[in-house]
């Protein structure tokens, strides 16, 4: 179906329209504190399948269910005591918990897995939309599959114009990378996708936390993806991206050498390193890890808009939210990471 896609400010009338569209099995894009989501009624299997069609998303890639109240969890999943403690600490916020799913959740949401990812976003527009519609909303990021995730309504419109009826414009997203996905189905809470809620923050509440080794490697042939963002090509710009890591002076020297040998290239660098690249074409990732998380996807989309063929990025520290930044950059680069 070809829609006349509307972009509306999230006032009361627009939120009522969103609620009606959800009840009718349609899709709505909406802002969260992480990235924009593309939502459908999570209990309507046909509506959920429309998400995959609109995005061109493989059906073996699970979705996250968004709620506004813990009271909505009853029909969706089994909630452990450890999960309750994490909810009390970090909900609403950018934390998705993988919990044993119940029969009401269609297999289309979970890619046939026995667990379902649930989260309570903190963005005021997302919260009010979820409250008004009264439904659990399944939503991945509101971009075409493989493209960088959208952090503004304009990014969503670029990918979804004609594919969905409504985009709620809540401005730029605060965090800039998707939520932390934490597997709560085993003995130790395990981070499957890093985000703004870090392993250290989780361990403070849960007593322990580990990071899955698949966070910084591609999945092996036949390996299931229990979390979004683990399988298939993700977050990628149209140009080829390479990440360089090592001592600062070595990284800067090698990026300059490769840039000078390339045509139509750009450098992604931290604010403090910008002067080292002279008058070369450089995109500023910001002065710290939070700024890098906030800017990454927007910079990759800017590179696409400018027709960049080759991108060279400085690796960032994997401390705190830096692990999320490196995870997204690595997948955007197809794990083309070189030590110099």
Protein backbone atom coordinates (compact mmCIF):
# COMPACT_ATOMS: atom_id res chain seq x y z
CA UNK A 1 0.00 0.00 0.00
CA UNK A 2 1.25 3.48 -0.88
CA UNK A 3 0.46 5.99 1.88
CA UNK A 4 0.32 9.75 1.94
CA UNK A 5 2.65 9.85 4.95
CA UNK A 6 1.82 12.59 7.45
CA UNK A 7 4.36 14.11 9.85
CA UNK A 8 2.54 15.63 12.82
CA UNK A 9 3.46 17.37 16.05
CA UNK A 10 2.47 15.02 18.88
CA UNK A 11 -0.53 16.97 20.19
CA UNK A 12 -3.68 15.37 21.58
CA UNK A 13 -5.33 15.03 18.18
CA UNK A 14 -2.27 13.38 16.63
CA UNK A 15 -1.97 10.95 19.55
CA UNK A 16 -5.64 9.98 19.18
CA UNK A 17 -4.99 9.40 15.48
CA UNK A 18 -2.02 7.19 16.34
CA UNK A 19 -4.15 5.18 18.76
CA UNK A 20 -6.84 4.68 16.10
CA UNK A 21 -4.27 3.57 13.53
CA UNK A 22 -2.79 1.05 15.96
CA UNK A 23 -6.24 -0.38 16.67
CA UNK A 24 -6.85 -0.68 12.92
CA UNK A 25 -3.65 -2.67 12.43
CA UNK A 26 -1.64 0.17 10.92
CA UNK A 27 1.91 1.38 11.63
CA UNK A 28 3.03 4.60 13.33
CA UNK A 29 6.57 5.95 13.74
CA UNK A 30 7.26 7.66 17.06
CA UNK A 31 10.17 9.13 19.01
CA UNK A 32 11.83 7.43 21.96
CA UNK A 33 14.80 8.58 24.02
CA UNK A 34 17.02 6.19 22.00
CA UNK A 35 15.94 6.29 18.34
CA UNK A 36 12.63 6.57 16.47
CA UNK A 37 10.53 3.40 16.55
CA UNK A 38 8.17 1.92 13.95
CA UNK A 39 5.26 0.55 15.94
CA UNK A 40 2.34 -1.84 15.56
CA UNK A 41 -0.06 -3.49 18.00
CA UNK A 42 2.14 -6.24 19.47
CA UNK A 43 -0.85 -8.58 19.92
CA UNK A 44 -1.92 -8.32 16.26
CA UNK A 45 0.24 -10.73 14.22
CA UNK A 46 -0.84 -9.30 10.86
CA UNK A 47 0.00 -5.75 11.97
CA UNK A 48 3.40 -6.92 13.21
CA UNK A 49 4.15 -8.50 9.84
CA UNK A 50 3.53 -5.09 8.24
CA UNK A 51 6.55 -3.77 10.17
CA UNK A 52 8.80 -6.30 8.44
CA UNK A 53 7.27 -5.43 5.06
CA UNK A 54 7.67 -1.66 5.55
CA UNK A 55 11.30 -1.99 6.66
CA UNK A 56 12.31 -4.81 4.31
CA UNK A 57 13.39 -6.52 7.55
CA UNK A 58 14.18 -10.26 7.71
CA UNK A 59 11.52 -12.14 9.71
CA UNK A 60 14.15 -13.89 11.89
CA UNK A 61 15.02 -10.56 13.56
CA UNK A 62 12.96 -10.17 16.79
CA UNK A 63 11.16 -7.00 17.87
CA UNK A 64 10.88 -5.19 21.22
CA UNK A 65 7.51 -4.63 22.90
CA UNK A 66 7.02 -1.13 24.38
CA UNK A 67 4.70 -0.53 27.34
CA UNK A 68 3.77 2.44 29.52
CA UNK A 69 2.85 0.52 32.70
CA UNK A 70 4.18 -2.62 34.37
CA UNK A 71 0.55 -3.72 34.64
CA UNK A 72 0.73 -4.52 30.92
CA UNK A 73 3.39 -7.19 31.45
CA UNK A 74 1.00 -9.84 32.82
CA UNK A 75 -0.23 -11.21 29.46
CA UNK A 76 3.16 -10.76 27.78
CA UNK A 77 5.84 -12.50 29.85
CA UNK A 78 6.97 -14.13 33.08
CA UNK A 79 8.57 -11.50 35.30
CA UNK A 80 11.37 -12.56 37.65
CA UNK A 81 12.29 -10.86 40.91
CA UNK A 82 15.65 -9.83 39.44
CA UNK A 83 13.82 -8.24 36.51
CA UNK A 84 11.57 -6.31 38.92
CA UNK A 85 14.64 -4.84 40.63
CA UNK A 86 16.06 -3.67 37.31
CA UNK A 87 12.71 -2.19 36.28
CA UNK A 88 12.58 -0.26 39.56
CA UNK A 89 16.07 1.11 38.93
CA UNK A 90 16.02 1.87 35.19
CA UNK A 91 12.43 2.07 33.93
CA UNK A 92 11.28 4.21 32.28
CA UNK A 93 14.53 4.24 30.34
CA UNK A 94 16.68 2.65 27.62
CA UNK A 95 16.71 -0.90 29.01
CA UNK A 96 15.06 -3.87 27.27
CA UNK A 97 14.64 -7.05 29.31
CA UNK A 98 14.38 -10.44 27.61
CA UNK A 99 11.93 -12.57 29.60
CA UNK A 100 10.05 -15.86 28.97
CA UNK A 101 7.14 -15.02 26.70
CA UNK A 102 3.50 -15.99 27.11
CA UNK A 103 1.16 -17.33 24.44
CA UNK A 104 -0.52 -13.96 23.80
CA UNK A 105 2.64 -12.68 22.10
CA UNK A 106 2.64 -13.67 18.41
CA UNK A 107 5.66 -15.61 17.15
CA UNK A 108 6.15 -12.84 14.57
CA UNK A 109 7.23 -10.51 17.40
CA UNK A 110 9.87 -12.88 18.79
CA UNK A 111 11.04 -14.53 15.54
CA UNK A 112 9.77 -17.80 17.02
CA UNK A 113 11.93 -17.54 20.16
CA UNK A 114 10.62 -18.42 23.62
CA UNK A 115 11.64 -15.04 25.08
CA UNK A 116 10.27 -11.56 24.41
CA UNK A 117 12.01 -8.21 24.80
CA UNK A 118 10.03 -5.62 26.78
CA UNK A 119 10.83 -2.04 27.68
CA UNK A 120 9.24 1.13 29.04
CA UNK A 121 10.57 4.16 27.14
CA UNK A 122 11.12 7.44 28.97
CA UNK A 123 10.45 9.83 26.08
CA UNK A 124 7.33 11.87 27.01
CA UNK A 125 5.79 11.49 23.54
CA UNK A 126 6.29 7.71 23.53
CA UNK A 127 4.88 7.43 27.06
CA UNK A 128 1.79 9.49 26.28
CA UNK A 129 1.21 7.67 22.99
CA UNK A 130 1.41 4.30 24.75
CA UNK A 131 -0.93 5.50 27.50
CA UNK A 132 -3.50 6.85 25.04
CA UNK A 133 -3.55 3.76 22.84
CA UNK A 134 -3.52 1.35 25.81
CA UNK A 135 -1.78 -1.35 23.75
CA UNK A 136 1.64 -2.97 23.94
CA UNK A 137 3.47 -1.74 20.85
CA UNK A 138 6.06 -3.84 19.02
CA UNK A 139 8.65 -1.56 17.45
CA UNK A 140 12.09 -1.81 15.89
CA UNK A 141 13.87 1.33 14.67
CA UNK A 142 11.93 3.24 12.02
CA UNK A 143 14.43 2.88 9.17
CA UNK A 144 14.77 0.71 6.11
CA UNK A 145 16.57 -2.49 7.00
CA UNK A 146 20.42 -2.18 7.06
CA UNK A 147 20.32 1.67 7.08
CA UNK A 148 21.52 3.79 10.02
CA UNK A 149 18.83 4.13 12.67
CA UNK A 150 16.77 7.36 12.61
CA UNK A 151 17.23 9.94 15.35
CA UNK A 152 14.96 12.63 13.84
CA UNK A 153 11.56 12.59 12.17
CA UNK A 154 13.27 13.75 8.96
CA UNK A 155 15.37 10.57 8.95
CA UNK A 156 12.18 8.51 9.32
CA UNK A 157 10.46 10.38 6.50
CA UNK A 158 13.46 9.80 4.24
CA UNK A 159 13.09 6.02 4.64
CA UNK A 160 9.36 5.58 5.31
CA UNK A 161 7.61 8.15 3.12
CA UNK A 162 4.81 6.29 1.31
CA UNK A 163 5.27 3.16 3.46
CA UNK A 164 3.40 4.22 6.61
CA UNK A 165 0.51 6.62 7.36
CA UNK A 166 1.92 8.62 10.29
CA UNK A 167 5.15 9.92 11.85
CA UNK A 168 4.98 11.68 15.22
CA UNK A 169 7.68 14.35 15.31
CA UNK A 170 9.12 14.64 18.79
CA UNK A 171 12.41 16.29 17.82
CA UNK A 172 15.89 14.76 18.00
CA UNK A 173 16.41 11.69 20.18
CA UNK A 174 18.45 12.22 23.33
CA UNK A 175 20.54 9.02 23.56
CA UNK A 176 21.04 8.27 19.86
CA UNK A 177 21.67 4.51 20.04
CA UNK A 178 19.12 1.79 20.70
CA UNK A 179 18.31 0.42 24.15
CA UNK A 180 20.47 -2.03 26.04
CA UNK A 181 19.07 -5.55 25.54
CA UNK A 182 19.56 -7.70 28.64
CA UNK A 183 18.84 -11.43 28.62
CA UNK A 184 17.21 -12.36 31.95
CA UNK A 185 16.43 -15.99 31.04
CA UNK A 186 19.72 -17.46 32.31
CA UNK A 187 21.57 -17.53 35.62
CA UNK A 188 23.51 -14.30 34.96
CA UNK A 189 21.98 -11.20 33.30
CA UNK A 190 23.67 -11.02 29.90
CA UNK A 191 23.98 -7.95 27.67
CA UNK A 192 23.16 -8.96 24.10
CA UNK A 193 23.09 -5.41 22.73
CA UNK A 194 24.89 -2.64 24.64
CA UNK A 195 23.29 0.75 25.18
CA UNK A 196 23.11 3.63 27.63
CA UNK A 197 22.37 1.28 30.56
CA UNK A 198 25.84 -0.21 30.95
CA UNK A 199 26.94 -3.61 32.34
CA UNK A 200 28.34 -1.79 35.38
CA UNK A 201 24.95 -0.16 36.04
CA UNK A 202 23.21 -3.52 35.69
CA UNK A 203 25.63 -5.29 38.03
CA UNK A 204 25.02 -2.67 40.73
CA UNK A 205 21.37 -3.73 40.87
CA UNK A 206 21.48 -7.38 39.80
CA UNK A 207 24.71 -8.29 41.61
CA UNK A 208 26.35 -9.49 38.40
CA UNK A 209 26.25 -8.96 34.64
CA UNK A 210 28.18 -10.23 31.68
CA UNK A 211 28.48 -9.16 28.05
CA UNK A 212 27.82 -11.75 25.34
CA UNK A 213 30.88 -12.34 23.16
CA UNK A 214 28.63 -11.85 20.11
CA UNK A 215 28.46 -8.10 20.90
CA UNK A 216 31.73 -7.51 19.03
CA UNK A 217 31.63 -10.24 16.40
CA UNK A 218 29.29 -11.33 13.61
CA UNK A 219 26.92 -14.20 14.38
CA UNK A 220 28.12 -17.58 13.16
CA UNK A 221 26.33 -19.51 10.43
CA UNK A 222 23.09 -20.91 11.87
CA UNK A 223 23.43 -19.01 15.18
CA UNK A 224 20.09 -17.61 16.38
CA UNK A 225 19.66 -13.90 17.12
CA UNK A 226 17.86 -13.53 20.48
CA UNK A 227 18.15 -9.73 20.27
CA UNK A 228 17.57 -7.14 17.54
CA UNK A 229 20.74 -5.75 15.98
CA UNK A 230 22.71 -9.01 16.18
CA UNK A 231 22.02 -10.57 12.80
CA UNK A 232 22.25 -9.36 9.21
CA UNK A 233 23.83 -6.13 8.05
CA UNK A 234 22.97 -3.27 10.40
CA UNK A 235 23.32 0.50 10.70
CA UNK A 236 25.42 0.67 7.53
CA UNK A 237 26.11 3.77 5.43
CA UNK A 238 26.19 3.41 1.65
CA UNK A 239 29.92 4.08 1.59
CA UNK A 240 32.46 1.61 2.97
CA UNK A 241 33.41 2.20 6.61
CA UNK A 242 36.69 1.12 8.25
CA UNK A 243 37.46 1.59 11.96
CA UNK A 244 41.05 2.17 13.08
CA UNK A 245 42.11 1.48 16.65
CA UNK A 246 45.37 1.78 18.58
CA UNK A 247 47.47 4.60 20.01
CA UNK A 248 46.10 8.03 19.13
CA UNK A 249 49.11 9.12 17.08
CA UNK A 250 49.12 5.83 15.11
CA UNK A 251 45.41 6.04 14.39
CA UNK A 252 45.59 9.66 13.22
CA UNK A 253 48.63 8.96 11.02
CA UNK A 254 47.04 5.90 9.41
CA UNK A 255 43.68 7.59 8.82
CA UNK A 256 45.45 10.52 7.14
CA UNK A 257 47.44 8.15 4.93
CA UNK A 258 44.35 6.23 3.83
CA UNK A 259 42.25 9.35 3.41
CA UNK A 260 44.87 10.91 1.16
CA UNK A 261 44.91 7.78 -1.01
CA UNK A 262 41.10 7.68 -1.29
CA UNK A 263 38.58 9.56 -3.37
CA UNK A 264 35.43 11.06 -1.90
CA UNK A 265 36.33 10.12 1.69
CA UNK A 266 35.42 11.44 5.12
CA UNK A 267 36.91 11.02 8.60
CA UNK A 268 34.85 10.43 11.76
CA UNK A 269 36.87 11.79 14.70
CA UNK A 270 36.50 13.01 18.26
CA UNK A 271 36.41 16.77 18.83
CA UNK A 272 39.84 16.79 20.45
CA UNK A 273 41.47 15.21 17.41
CA UNK A 274 39.93 17.46 14.74
CA UNK A 275 42.95 19.82 14.44
CA UNK A 276 45.24 16.85 13.66
CA UNK A 277 43.47 16.29 10.32
CA UNK A 278 44.08 19.78 8.95
CA UNK A 279 41.77 20.80 6.15
CA UNK A 280 40.61 17.25 5.35
CA UNK A 281 36.91 16.46 5.37
CA UNK A 282 36.09 15.50 8.97
CA UNK A 283 32.84 14.82 10.81
CA UNK A 284 32.88 15.66 14.52
CA UNK A 285 31.72 12.77 16.73
CA UNK A 286 31.79 15.00 19.79
CA UNK A 287 33.98 15.50 22.84
CA UNK A 288 32.92 12.41 24.80
CA UNK A 289 31.26 9.00 24.55
CA UNK A 290 27.72 10.28 25.18
CA UNK A 291 28.14 12.81 22.37
CA UNK A 292 29.47 10.06 20.07
CA UNK A 293 26.40 7.93 20.80
CA UNK A 294 24.12 10.88 20.14
CA UNK A 295 25.78 11.82 16.83
CA UNK A 296 26.80 8.51 15.23
CA UNK A 297 23.71 7.60 13.21
CA UNK A 298 23.08 11.19 12.13
CA UNK A 299 26.67 11.43 10.84
CA UNK A 300 26.35 8.16 8.90
CA UNK A 301 23.16 9.47 7.29
CA UNK A 302 24.87 12.79 6.53
CA UNK A 303 27.64 10.86 4.77
CA UNK A 304 24.98 9.15 2.65
CA UNK A 305 23.33 12.47 1.83
CA UNK A 306 26.72 13.81 0.70
CA UNK A 307 27.44 10.74 -1.43
CA UNK A 308 30.56 9.73 0.53
CA UNK A 309 32.21 6.59 -0.85
CA UNK A 310 34.77 5.90 1.89
CA UNK A 311 34.62 6.49 5.64
CA UNK A 312 37.46 6.15 8.18
CA UNK A 313 36.50 6.26 11.85
CA UNK A 314 38.54 6.48 15.02
CA UNK A 315 37.66 3.69 17.43
CA UNK A 316 36.31 4.89 20.78
CA UNK A 317 36.84 3.50 24.26
CA UNK A 318 34.51 0.64 25.13
CA UNK A 319 33.95 2.03 28.64
CA UNK A 320 30.35 2.80 29.59
CA UNK A 321 28.20 3.80 26.61
CA UNK A 322 31.35 3.53 24.46
CA UNK A 323 30.67 -0.20 24.15
CA UNK A 324 27.35 0.64 22.47
CA UNK A 325 29.06 3.09 20.11
CA UNK A 326 31.71 0.53 19.14
CA UNK A 327 29.05 -2.18 18.69
CA UNK A 328 27.06 0.01 16.27
CA UNK A 329 30.15 1.21 14.41
CA UNK A 330 31.48 -2.34 14.10
CA UNK A 331 28.23 -3.63 12.60
CA UNK A 332 28.00 -0.59 10.31
CA UNK A 333 31.53 -1.43 9.13
CA UNK A 334 30.82 -5.14 8.71
CA UNK A 335 33.44 -5.64 11.46
CA UNK A 336 36.16 -4.03 9.31
CA UNK A 337 38.25 -3.01 12.36
CA UNK A 338 42.03 -2.73 12.12
CA UNK A 339 44.65 -2.32 14.86
CA UNK A 340 47.37 0.17 13.87
